N, C-alpha and C. Protein backbone atom coordinates (compact mmCIF):
# COMPACT_ATOMS: atom_id res chain seq x y z
N MET A 1 118.88 90.02 77.70
CA MET A 1 117.46 90.35 77.59
C MET A 1 117.15 90.94 76.28
N ASP A 2 117.99 92.07 75.99
CA ASP A 2 117.68 92.72 74.84
C ASP A 2 117.76 91.88 73.53
N ALA A 3 118.89 91.20 73.61
CA ALA A 3 119.07 90.12 72.40
C ALA A 3 117.87 89.13 72.36
N ALA A 4 117.33 88.68 73.46
CA ALA A 4 116.17 87.63 73.47
C ALA A 4 115.02 88.46 72.98
N GLU A 5 114.67 89.60 73.28
CA GLU A 5 113.70 90.31 72.94
C GLU A 5 113.48 90.52 71.51
N ARG A 6 114.70 90.95 70.83
CA ARG A 6 114.66 91.03 69.40
C ARG A 6 114.55 89.72 68.66
N LEU A 7 115.13 88.74 69.10
CA LEU A 7 115.00 87.36 68.46
C LEU A 7 113.50 86.84 68.65
N PHE A 8 112.97 87.02 69.74
CA PHE A 8 111.72 86.43 70.10
C PHE A 8 110.56 87.28 69.27
N ALA A 9 110.78 88.62 69.12
CA ALA A 9 109.92 89.44 68.35
C ALA A 9 109.99 89.08 66.88
N VAL A 10 111.09 88.63 66.28
CA VAL A 10 111.19 88.48 64.93
C VAL A 10 110.86 87.09 64.60
N HIS A 11 111.18 86.15 65.29
CA HIS A 11 111.15 84.78 64.97
C HIS A 11 110.03 83.92 65.83
N GLY A 12 109.64 84.54 66.88
CA GLY A 12 108.72 83.74 67.86
C GLY A 12 109.53 83.02 68.97
N LEU A 13 108.68 82.65 70.02
CA LEU A 13 109.23 82.16 71.15
C LEU A 13 109.72 80.55 70.98
N ALA A 14 109.14 79.86 70.27
CA ALA A 14 109.64 78.49 70.13
C ALA A 14 110.62 78.23 69.14
N ALA A 15 110.71 79.17 68.12
CA ALA A 15 111.82 79.01 67.18
C ALA A 15 113.19 79.51 67.66
N VAL A 16 113.20 80.04 68.74
CA VAL A 16 114.58 80.85 69.19
C VAL A 16 115.08 79.76 70.41
N SER A 17 116.34 79.31 70.25
CA SER A 17 116.98 78.51 71.36
C SER A 17 117.74 79.45 72.35
N SER A 18 117.85 78.80 73.58
CA SER A 18 118.87 79.54 74.39
C SER A 18 120.14 79.72 73.78
N ARG A 19 120.66 78.76 73.13
CA ARG A 19 121.97 78.87 72.46
C ARG A 19 122.01 80.14 71.64
N GLN A 20 120.92 80.34 70.73
CA GLN A 20 121.03 81.41 69.86
C GLN A 20 120.81 82.74 70.66
N ILE A 21 120.04 82.80 71.81
CA ILE A 21 120.10 83.96 72.50
C ILE A 21 121.60 84.36 73.06
N SER A 22 122.19 83.44 73.47
CA SER A 22 123.61 83.49 73.92
C SER A 22 124.66 84.07 72.99
N GLU A 23 124.49 83.40 71.84
CA GLU A 23 125.28 83.80 70.81
C GLU A 23 124.97 85.39 70.33
N ALA A 24 123.58 85.55 70.26
CA ALA A 24 123.20 86.99 69.78
C ALA A 24 123.57 88.00 70.95
N ALA A 25 123.79 87.60 72.19
CA ALA A 25 124.17 88.53 73.18
C ALA A 25 125.72 88.70 73.33
N GLY A 26 126.50 87.85 72.55
CA GLY A 26 127.80 87.91 72.47
C GLY A 26 128.40 87.15 73.76
N GLN A 27 127.69 86.09 74.29
CA GLN A 27 128.05 85.31 75.51
C GLN A 27 128.80 84.00 74.84
N GLY A 28 129.99 83.75 75.27
CA GLY A 28 130.73 82.59 74.73
C GLY A 28 130.16 81.37 75.39
N ASN A 29 129.48 81.51 76.46
CA ASN A 29 128.90 80.27 77.22
C ASN A 29 127.48 79.97 76.69
N ASP A 30 127.39 78.79 76.00
CA ASP A 30 125.95 78.46 75.49
C ASP A 30 124.94 78.37 76.55
N ALA A 31 125.43 78.09 77.74
CA ALA A 31 124.39 77.92 78.92
C ALA A 31 124.23 79.06 79.64
N ALA A 32 124.52 80.40 79.19
CA ALA A 32 124.31 81.58 79.80
C ALA A 32 122.96 81.79 80.23
N VAL A 33 121.94 81.45 79.45
CA VAL A 33 120.56 81.77 79.84
C VAL A 33 120.14 80.92 81.16
N GLY A 34 120.51 79.68 81.07
CA GLY A 34 120.39 78.83 82.14
C GLY A 34 120.96 79.38 83.40
N TYR A 35 122.20 79.82 83.22
CA TYR A 35 122.95 80.31 84.47
C TYR A 35 122.34 81.52 85.07
N HIS A 36 121.84 82.30 84.24
CA HIS A 36 121.35 83.78 84.72
C HIS A 36 119.90 83.55 85.15
N PHE A 37 119.12 82.84 84.24
CA PHE A 37 117.69 82.80 84.49
C PHE A 37 117.02 81.64 84.94
N GLY A 38 117.66 80.55 84.81
CA GLY A 38 117.33 79.16 85.17
C GLY A 38 116.75 78.45 83.99
N SER A 39 116.06 79.02 83.10
CA SER A 39 115.52 78.47 81.85
C SER A 39 115.12 79.55 80.94
N LYS A 40 114.55 79.20 79.70
CA LYS A 40 114.12 80.28 78.74
C LYS A 40 112.83 80.83 79.27
N ALA A 41 111.98 80.02 79.96
CA ALA A 41 110.72 80.54 80.48
C ALA A 41 111.05 81.57 81.69
N GLY A 42 112.19 81.34 82.37
CA GLY A 42 112.62 82.36 83.35
C GLY A 42 113.08 83.59 82.78
N LEU A 43 113.83 83.39 81.75
CA LEU A 43 114.14 84.54 81.11
C LEU A 43 112.95 85.55 80.47
N ILE A 44 111.94 84.77 79.99
CA ILE A 44 110.85 85.62 79.49
C ILE A 44 110.09 86.26 80.59
N ARG A 45 110.01 85.67 81.73
CA ARG A 45 109.29 86.30 82.94
C ARG A 45 110.03 87.60 83.44
N THR A 46 111.39 87.32 83.39
CA THR A 46 112.32 88.43 83.91
C THR A 46 112.14 89.60 82.89
N MET A 47 112.04 89.28 81.61
CA MET A 47 111.96 90.36 80.60
C MET A 47 110.55 91.16 80.58
N ILE A 48 109.54 90.30 80.88
CA ILE A 48 108.31 91.03 81.19
C ILE A 48 108.19 91.82 82.46
N ASP A 49 108.70 91.35 83.41
CA ASP A 49 108.76 92.06 84.81
C ASP A 49 109.72 93.42 84.67
N ARG A 50 110.71 93.41 83.71
CA ARG A 50 111.71 94.52 83.65
C ARG A 50 110.84 95.64 83.01
N SER A 51 110.09 95.36 81.88
CA SER A 51 109.40 96.33 81.24
C SER A 51 108.08 96.71 82.02
N ALA A 52 107.56 95.89 82.86
CA ALA A 52 106.40 96.31 83.63
C ALA A 52 106.75 97.28 84.72
N GLU A 53 107.90 97.30 85.27
CA GLU A 53 108.32 98.37 86.19
C GLU A 53 108.05 99.71 85.68
N SER A 54 108.65 99.87 84.48
CA SER A 54 108.41 101.24 83.71
C SER A 54 106.95 101.57 83.45
N VAL A 55 106.30 100.40 82.90
CA VAL A 55 104.87 100.73 82.52
C VAL A 55 104.12 101.09 83.84
N GLU A 56 104.30 100.45 84.88
CA GLU A 56 103.58 100.71 86.04
C GLU A 56 103.94 101.97 86.85
N ARG A 57 105.07 102.57 86.56
CA ARG A 57 105.36 103.97 87.05
C ARG A 57 104.60 105.02 86.31
N ILE A 58 104.35 104.73 84.88
CA ILE A 58 103.65 105.62 84.22
C ILE A 58 102.23 105.48 84.57
N ARG A 59 101.78 104.30 84.85
CA ARG A 59 100.23 104.10 85.25
C ARG A 59 100.10 104.97 86.44
N GLU A 60 100.90 104.91 87.42
CA GLU A 60 100.80 105.47 88.82
C GLU A 60 100.76 107.01 88.48
N ARG A 61 101.39 107.46 87.52
CA ARG A 61 101.37 109.02 87.33
C ARG A 61 100.00 109.42 86.74
N LEU A 62 99.44 108.55 85.64
CA LEU A 62 98.10 108.78 85.08
C LEU A 62 97.14 108.61 86.12
N LEU A 63 97.19 107.67 87.06
CA LEU A 63 96.10 107.54 88.08
C LEU A 63 96.07 108.65 88.94
N ALA A 64 97.14 109.25 89.31
CA ALA A 64 97.14 110.59 90.13
C ALA A 64 96.48 111.76 89.27
N GLU A 65 96.77 111.78 88.00
CA GLU A 65 96.22 112.80 87.14
C GLU A 65 94.62 112.85 87.11
N ILE A 66 94.18 111.58 87.17
CA ILE A 66 92.53 111.55 87.00
C ILE A 66 91.92 111.07 88.27
N ALA A 67 92.51 111.51 89.44
CA ALA A 67 92.02 111.09 90.75
C ALA A 67 90.58 111.59 90.84
N GLY A 68 89.70 110.72 91.28
CA GLY A 68 88.19 111.14 91.44
C GLY A 68 87.39 111.26 90.27
N SER A 69 87.93 111.01 89.07
CA SER A 69 87.21 110.90 87.85
C SER A 69 86.47 109.56 87.69
N ASP A 70 85.07 109.83 87.33
CA ASP A 70 84.24 108.66 87.12
C ASP A 70 83.87 108.49 85.63
N ASP A 71 84.79 109.10 84.77
CA ASP A 71 84.51 108.90 83.27
C ASP A 71 85.27 107.72 82.90
N VAL A 72 84.45 106.88 82.18
CA VAL A 72 85.07 105.49 81.56
C VAL A 72 86.22 105.84 80.85
N ARG A 73 86.00 106.83 79.82
CA ARG A 73 87.21 106.88 78.93
C ARG A 73 88.61 107.32 79.76
N ASP A 74 88.52 108.09 80.72
CA ASP A 74 89.62 108.49 81.51
C ASP A 74 90.24 107.13 82.17
N ARG A 75 89.33 106.24 82.78
CA ARG A 75 89.84 104.93 83.14
C ARG A 75 90.52 104.06 82.17
N VAL A 76 89.90 104.03 80.93
CA VAL A 76 90.39 103.12 79.93
C VAL A 76 91.92 103.65 79.60
N GLY A 77 91.86 105.01 79.62
CA GLY A 77 93.34 105.50 79.29
C GLY A 77 94.35 105.13 80.18
N CYS A 78 93.98 104.85 81.45
CA CYS A 78 94.99 104.27 82.39
C CYS A 78 95.37 102.96 82.14
N LEU A 79 94.69 102.24 81.16
CA LEU A 79 95.00 100.96 80.73
C LEU A 79 95.80 100.86 79.53
N VAL A 80 95.57 102.00 78.69
CA VAL A 80 96.19 102.03 77.19
C VAL A 80 97.44 102.92 77.35
N ARG A 81 97.31 104.03 77.88
CA ARG A 81 98.50 104.92 77.75
C ARG A 81 99.80 104.49 78.44
N PRO A 82 99.84 103.73 79.36
CA PRO A 82 101.13 103.29 80.03
C PRO A 82 101.88 102.51 78.95
N ILE A 83 101.27 101.70 78.29
CA ILE A 83 101.83 100.91 77.17
C ILE A 83 102.39 101.80 76.00
N THR A 84 101.58 102.57 75.41
CA THR A 84 102.04 103.33 74.44
C THR A 84 103.02 104.34 74.63
N GLU A 85 102.99 105.00 75.81
CA GLU A 85 104.06 105.88 76.35
C GLU A 85 105.37 105.16 76.46
N TYR A 86 105.25 103.99 76.99
CA TYR A 86 106.46 103.24 77.27
C TYR A 86 107.12 102.77 76.00
N LEU A 87 106.33 102.32 74.98
CA LEU A 87 106.73 101.99 73.66
C LEU A 87 107.42 103.25 72.93
N ALA A 88 106.84 104.32 73.17
CA ALA A 88 107.25 105.63 72.43
C ALA A 88 108.63 106.00 73.11
N SER A 89 108.83 105.52 74.26
CA SER A 89 110.11 105.94 74.93
C SER A 89 111.30 105.05 74.56
N LEU A 90 110.87 103.89 73.94
CA LEU A 90 111.99 103.05 73.44
C LEU A 90 112.53 103.51 72.00
N GLY A 91 111.84 104.29 71.30
CA GLY A 91 112.43 104.65 70.08
C GLY A 91 112.13 103.61 69.15
N THR A 92 112.67 103.85 67.82
CA THR A 92 112.73 102.95 66.82
C THR A 92 114.07 102.57 66.20
N PRO A 93 114.17 101.19 65.96
CA PRO A 93 113.42 100.02 66.09
C PRO A 93 113.28 99.69 67.69
N CYS A 94 112.11 98.98 67.94
CA CYS A 94 111.91 98.45 69.30
C CYS A 94 111.32 97.08 69.06
N TRP A 95 111.24 96.20 69.98
CA TRP A 95 110.68 95.02 69.60
C TRP A 95 109.71 94.46 70.86
N TYR A 96 109.66 95.24 71.79
CA TYR A 96 108.80 94.73 72.98
C TYR A 96 107.40 94.41 72.64
N ALA A 97 106.67 95.26 71.83
CA ALA A 97 105.32 94.96 71.72
C ALA A 97 105.17 93.64 70.79
N ARG A 98 106.02 93.24 69.91
CA ARG A 98 105.94 92.00 69.20
C ARG A 98 106.27 90.98 70.05
N PHE A 99 107.32 91.13 71.08
CA PHE A 99 107.68 90.10 72.05
C PHE A 99 106.48 89.75 72.92
N ALA A 100 105.80 90.78 73.41
CA ALA A 100 104.53 90.73 74.20
C ALA A 100 103.41 89.93 73.45
N ALA A 101 103.40 90.26 72.11
CA ALA A 101 102.18 89.47 71.46
C ALA A 101 102.61 87.96 71.24
N GLN A 102 103.79 87.56 71.18
CA GLN A 102 104.25 86.35 71.10
C GLN A 102 103.91 85.61 72.53
N VAL A 103 104.19 86.41 73.61
CA VAL A 103 103.76 85.72 74.78
C VAL A 103 102.34 85.43 74.99
N MET A 104 101.54 86.44 74.45
CA MET A 104 100.07 86.21 74.55
C MET A 104 99.52 85.00 73.84
N THR A 105 100.29 84.58 72.80
CA THR A 105 99.84 83.36 72.01
C THR A 105 100.23 81.97 72.73
N ASP A 106 101.03 82.10 73.76
CA ASP A 106 101.52 80.87 74.39
C ASP A 106 100.63 80.76 75.76
N PRO A 107 99.74 79.75 75.75
CA PRO A 107 98.70 79.50 76.80
C PRO A 107 99.37 79.49 78.14
N VAL A 108 100.63 78.88 78.45
CA VAL A 108 101.15 78.76 79.74
C VAL A 108 101.79 79.93 80.17
N LEU A 109 102.59 80.48 79.26
CA LEU A 109 103.13 81.85 79.69
C LEU A 109 102.20 82.86 79.78
N CYS A 110 101.21 83.06 78.96
CA CYS A 110 100.13 84.09 79.06
C CYS A 110 99.48 83.89 80.34
N ALA A 111 99.04 82.76 80.82
CA ALA A 111 98.48 82.62 82.17
C ALA A 111 99.33 83.04 83.29
N VAL A 112 100.64 82.77 83.15
CA VAL A 112 101.59 83.11 84.41
C VAL A 112 101.79 84.63 84.34
N VAL A 113 101.88 85.24 83.21
CA VAL A 113 102.17 86.56 82.86
C VAL A 113 100.83 87.44 83.40
N SER A 114 99.69 87.07 83.04
CA SER A 114 98.54 87.57 83.38
C SER A 114 98.17 87.51 84.92
N GLU A 115 98.61 86.50 85.52
CA GLU A 115 98.23 86.43 87.10
C GLU A 115 99.33 87.20 87.75
N SER A 116 100.53 87.40 87.22
CA SER A 116 101.51 88.34 87.72
C SER A 116 101.19 89.72 87.62
N ALA A 117 100.66 90.14 86.43
CA ALA A 117 100.29 91.38 86.10
C ALA A 117 99.20 92.09 87.14
N VAL A 118 98.10 91.25 87.42
CA VAL A 118 96.99 91.77 88.12
C VAL A 118 97.41 91.78 89.54
N GLU A 119 98.54 91.36 89.99
CA GLU A 119 99.01 91.55 91.36
C GLU A 119 99.77 92.91 91.50
N ARG A 120 100.05 93.47 90.52
CA ARG A 120 100.81 94.92 90.64
C ARG A 120 99.72 96.00 90.91
N PRO A 121 100.14 96.78 92.03
CA PRO A 121 99.07 97.74 92.66
C PRO A 121 98.52 98.70 91.72
N PRO A 122 99.37 99.19 90.90
CA PRO A 122 98.78 100.39 89.98
C PRO A 122 97.74 99.69 88.95
N LEU A 123 98.04 98.57 88.33
CA LEU A 123 97.09 97.95 87.43
C LEU A 123 95.91 97.51 88.21
N ARG A 124 96.06 96.78 89.22
CA ARG A 124 94.93 96.38 90.16
C ARG A 124 94.03 97.60 90.43
N ARG A 125 94.57 98.77 90.85
CA ARG A 125 93.71 99.87 91.10
C ARG A 125 93.18 100.38 89.98
N ALA A 126 93.80 100.33 88.70
CA ALA A 126 93.24 100.95 87.53
C ALA A 126 92.09 100.12 87.16
N LEU A 127 92.07 98.86 87.24
CA LEU A 127 90.94 97.91 87.03
C LEU A 127 89.87 98.08 88.00
N HIS A 128 90.17 98.22 89.13
CA HIS A 128 89.15 98.38 90.23
C HIS A 128 88.31 99.62 89.97
N GLU A 129 88.96 100.78 89.67
CA GLU A 129 88.38 102.06 89.31
C GLU A 129 87.59 101.95 88.09
N LEU A 130 88.12 101.28 87.07
CA LEU A 130 87.16 101.12 85.78
C LEU A 130 86.01 100.25 86.19
N GLY A 131 86.21 99.28 86.85
CA GLY A 131 84.92 98.44 87.07
C GLY A 131 83.92 99.18 87.88
N ARG A 132 84.43 100.04 88.77
CA ARG A 132 83.52 100.92 89.69
C ARG A 132 82.61 102.02 88.76
N CYS A 133 83.29 102.25 87.59
CA CYS A 133 82.47 102.99 86.67
C CYS A 133 81.52 102.34 85.73
N LEU A 134 81.46 101.13 85.88
CA LEU A 134 80.69 100.11 84.92
C LEU A 134 79.77 99.42 85.83
N PRO A 135 78.87 99.98 86.68
CA PRO A 135 77.98 99.15 87.40
C PRO A 135 76.94 98.36 86.58
N GLU A 136 76.70 98.81 85.42
CA GLU A 136 75.45 98.18 84.77
C GLU A 136 76.12 97.00 83.86
N LEU A 137 77.36 96.82 83.75
CA LEU A 137 78.03 95.78 83.00
C LEU A 137 78.16 94.56 83.80
N PRO A 138 77.51 93.31 83.50
CA PRO A 138 77.48 92.13 84.32
C PRO A 138 78.90 91.69 84.44
N ARG A 139 79.30 91.00 85.41
CA ARG A 139 80.60 90.59 85.63
C ARG A 139 81.10 89.66 84.68
N PRO A 140 80.30 88.69 84.07
CA PRO A 140 80.95 87.92 82.98
C PRO A 140 81.06 88.56 81.68
N ALA A 141 80.48 89.67 81.42
CA ALA A 141 80.52 90.48 80.20
C ALA A 141 81.83 91.34 80.41
N ARG A 142 82.03 91.75 81.89
CA ARG A 142 83.17 92.55 81.99
C ARG A 142 84.50 91.69 81.80
N HIS A 143 84.44 90.69 82.25
CA HIS A 143 85.74 89.68 81.95
C HIS A 143 85.85 89.45 80.46
N GLU A 144 84.91 89.06 79.78
CA GLU A 144 85.02 88.85 78.45
C GLU A 144 85.68 89.98 77.77
N ARG A 145 84.98 91.11 77.95
CA ARG A 145 85.49 92.41 77.36
C ARG A 145 86.89 92.92 77.56
N GLY A 146 87.07 92.56 78.92
CA GLY A 146 88.44 92.64 79.39
C GLY A 146 89.44 91.92 78.66
N ASP A 147 89.21 90.69 78.40
CA ASP A 147 90.12 89.96 77.50
C ASP A 147 90.14 90.51 76.05
N MET A 148 88.98 90.79 75.61
CA MET A 148 89.28 91.36 74.14
C MET A 148 89.86 92.70 74.25
N ALA A 149 89.73 93.47 75.10
CA ALA A 149 90.58 94.84 75.16
C ALA A 149 91.98 94.40 75.23
N ARG A 150 92.38 93.55 76.13
CA ARG A 150 93.81 93.11 76.32
C ARG A 150 94.36 92.69 75.04
N LEU A 151 93.79 91.91 74.13
CA LEU A 151 94.28 91.33 72.89
C LEU A 151 94.16 92.54 71.93
N LEU A 152 93.39 93.49 71.99
CA LEU A 152 93.33 94.65 70.95
C LEU A 152 94.57 95.62 71.32
N ILE A 153 94.78 95.80 72.69
CA ILE A 153 95.99 96.62 72.86
C ILE A 153 97.20 96.01 72.54
N VAL A 154 97.45 94.73 72.88
CA VAL A 154 98.79 94.04 72.56
C VAL A 154 98.94 93.95 71.07
N HIS A 155 98.03 93.49 70.38
CA HIS A 155 98.33 93.14 68.94
C HIS A 155 98.30 94.48 68.19
N THR A 156 97.47 95.52 68.45
CA THR A 156 97.45 96.61 67.80
C THR A 156 98.79 97.38 67.87
N CYS A 157 99.43 97.37 69.15
CA CYS A 157 100.64 97.97 69.38
C CYS A 157 101.78 97.08 68.61
N ALA A 158 101.58 95.85 68.56
CA ALA A 158 102.63 95.01 67.88
C ALA A 158 102.65 95.36 66.50
N GLU A 159 101.43 95.49 65.87
CA GLU A 159 101.46 95.82 64.42
C GLU A 159 101.87 97.07 64.12
N ARG A 160 101.74 98.32 64.95
CA ARG A 160 102.41 99.44 64.68
C ARG A 160 103.96 99.31 64.73
N GLU A 161 104.42 98.73 65.90
CA GLU A 161 105.70 98.39 65.99
C GLU A 161 106.47 97.69 64.78
N ARG A 162 105.76 96.76 64.39
CA ARG A 162 106.40 95.99 63.21
C ARG A 162 106.48 96.94 61.85
N ALA A 163 105.40 97.77 61.78
CA ALA A 163 105.29 98.64 60.51
C ALA A 163 106.43 99.56 60.65
N LEU A 164 106.67 100.10 61.88
CA LEU A 164 107.81 101.30 61.95
C LEU A 164 108.94 100.49 61.76
N ALA A 165 109.35 99.43 62.24
CA ALA A 165 110.52 98.72 61.97
C ALA A 165 110.92 98.27 60.59
N GLU A 166 109.76 98.01 59.86
CA GLU A 166 109.97 97.55 58.39
C GLU A 166 109.74 98.89 57.37
N SER A 167 109.51 99.93 58.13
CA SER A 167 109.23 101.22 57.30
C SER A 167 108.14 101.10 56.30
N ALA A 168 107.10 100.41 56.77
CA ALA A 168 105.97 99.96 55.94
C ALA A 168 104.85 100.99 56.08
N GLY A 169 105.03 102.06 56.68
CA GLY A 169 103.85 102.95 56.90
C GLY A 169 102.79 102.50 57.84
N ALA A 170 103.01 102.99 59.18
CA ALA A 170 102.10 102.62 60.24
C ALA A 170 100.85 103.28 59.94
N LEU A 171 99.69 102.44 60.35
CA LEU A 171 98.25 103.11 60.22
C LEU A 171 98.19 104.18 61.01
N HIS A 172 98.66 104.32 62.22
CA HIS A 172 98.50 105.40 63.07
C HIS A 172 99.83 106.29 63.05
N PRO A 173 99.80 107.64 62.87
CA PRO A 173 100.90 108.52 62.71
C PRO A 173 101.67 108.60 63.94
N SER A 174 101.41 108.20 65.22
CA SER A 174 102.15 108.40 66.36
C SER A 174 101.49 107.50 67.41
N TRP A 175 102.41 107.24 68.53
CA TRP A 175 101.88 106.37 69.59
C TRP A 175 100.71 107.05 70.26
N GLN A 176 100.95 108.40 70.30
CA GLN A 176 99.76 109.17 71.03
C GLN A 176 98.40 109.05 70.11
N HIS A 177 98.62 109.11 68.95
CA HIS A 177 97.35 108.86 68.16
C HIS A 177 96.66 107.35 68.24
N LEU A 178 97.64 106.45 68.43
CA LEU A 178 97.19 105.06 68.63
C LEU A 178 96.57 105.02 70.00
N ALA A 179 96.93 105.72 71.05
CA ALA A 179 96.51 105.54 72.36
C ALA A 179 95.04 106.07 72.22
N ARG A 180 94.91 107.19 71.50
CA ARG A 180 93.61 107.83 71.50
C ARG A 180 92.63 106.95 70.76
N SER A 181 93.06 106.29 69.64
CA SER A 181 92.14 105.32 68.95
C SER A 181 91.87 104.12 69.68
N LEU A 182 92.78 103.50 70.40
CA LEU A 182 92.54 102.32 71.23
C LEU A 182 91.49 102.77 72.40
N THR A 183 91.72 103.86 73.06
CA THR A 183 90.86 104.40 74.19
C THR A 183 89.56 104.58 73.68
N ASP A 184 89.28 105.01 72.60
CA ASP A 184 87.93 105.19 71.96
C ASP A 184 87.34 103.96 71.84
N ALA A 185 88.22 102.94 71.07
CA ALA A 185 87.55 101.56 70.76
C ALA A 185 87.14 100.89 71.88
N ILE A 186 88.07 100.95 72.97
CA ILE A 186 87.67 100.03 74.17
C ILE A 186 86.73 100.68 74.97
N THR A 187 86.65 101.88 75.03
CA THR A 187 85.48 102.73 75.73
C THR A 187 84.11 102.36 75.11
N GLY A 188 84.05 102.17 73.86
CA GLY A 188 82.86 101.78 73.11
C GLY A 188 82.53 100.26 73.26
N LEU A 189 83.74 99.55 73.49
CA LEU A 189 83.49 98.06 73.60
C LEU A 189 82.81 97.97 75.02
N LEU A 190 83.25 98.65 76.05
CA LEU A 190 82.78 98.45 77.42
C LEU A 190 81.35 98.94 77.66
N LEU A 191 81.02 100.04 76.87
CA LEU A 191 79.76 100.64 76.97
C LEU A 191 78.67 100.04 76.18
N ALA A 192 79.03 99.29 75.22
CA ALA A 192 78.12 98.49 74.32
C ALA A 192 77.09 97.79 75.07
N PRO A 193 75.80 97.70 74.67
CA PRO A 193 74.56 97.00 75.20
C PRO A 193 75.08 95.51 75.27
N VAL A 194 74.69 94.73 76.26
CA VAL A 194 74.69 93.38 76.43
C VAL A 194 73.41 92.64 76.00
N THR A 195 73.68 91.83 74.92
CA THR A 195 72.45 90.94 74.58
C THR A 195 72.02 89.93 75.63
N PRO A 196 70.91 89.89 76.02
CA PRO A 196 70.33 88.95 77.14
C PRO A 196 70.76 87.61 76.67
N ARG A 197 71.28 86.81 77.66
CA ARG A 197 71.43 85.29 77.48
C ARG A 197 70.05 84.67 77.09
N PRO A 198 70.16 83.66 76.41
CA PRO A 198 68.91 82.90 76.15
C PRO A 198 68.29 82.25 77.41
N ARG A 199 67.21 81.96 77.62
CA ARG A 199 66.52 81.30 78.63
C ARG A 199 67.00 79.88 78.85
N THR A 200 67.14 79.25 79.87
CA THR A 200 67.45 77.76 79.94
C THR A 200 66.54 77.01 79.11
N GLY A 201 67.13 76.11 78.40
CA GLY A 201 66.36 75.22 77.64
C GLY A 201 66.09 75.76 76.14
N SER A 202 66.44 77.01 75.82
CA SER A 202 66.31 77.56 74.47
C SER A 202 67.58 77.45 73.67
N LYS A 203 67.58 77.39 72.43
CA LYS A 203 68.87 77.15 71.63
C LYS A 203 69.27 78.55 71.05
N GLU A 204 70.51 78.79 71.15
CA GLU A 204 71.00 79.84 70.44
C GLU A 204 71.13 79.56 68.92
N SER A 205 70.98 80.61 68.15
CA SER A 205 71.31 80.67 66.74
C SER A 205 72.70 80.11 66.34
N PRO A 206 72.88 79.21 65.48
CA PRO A 206 74.16 78.73 65.06
C PRO A 206 75.08 79.76 64.63
N SER A 207 74.60 80.87 64.17
CA SER A 207 75.33 81.83 63.51
C SER A 207 75.99 82.74 64.63
């Protein structure tokens, strides 16, 4: 799994074969991926689940720390900080954020991973509590902005991880600083006003 994570992060999911993963992991059997995981897709799902266990333990701790809070920023922090704290724990170099970003660009894997993620009790609770703090935000807008927030978290973390690995000078000086910036940005996104939808029969501007 470690070898696959590195290869996927650097080269992308489609460009890496099961044989390459086996070779990078020092496995003499080219069919090792199939033997242990059934398929490359099975390997990817197992890799996501492995990291999710650590992320959700952090989320449980953070949820306990803000129990009873109705502050949107506190609730957004329970979505952002588990990811950044987990990435910080991996040290440098690490590849998980870039691997996760690759998964997000694959429509089939992204759907499977997203469905699995919302079944995890800590994340489900975090999303429920956040929604409870946003009674004025219509459900369609909540879903749209939730998708935007997920992309922002995943790809911003991937970019910092890449910059650290390449010694390119990351925009944010630490994972903690990145967590604060992401939390600020997503809080603003969720609290921004919603433009009324045009009435039936009217035309939206092409811009």
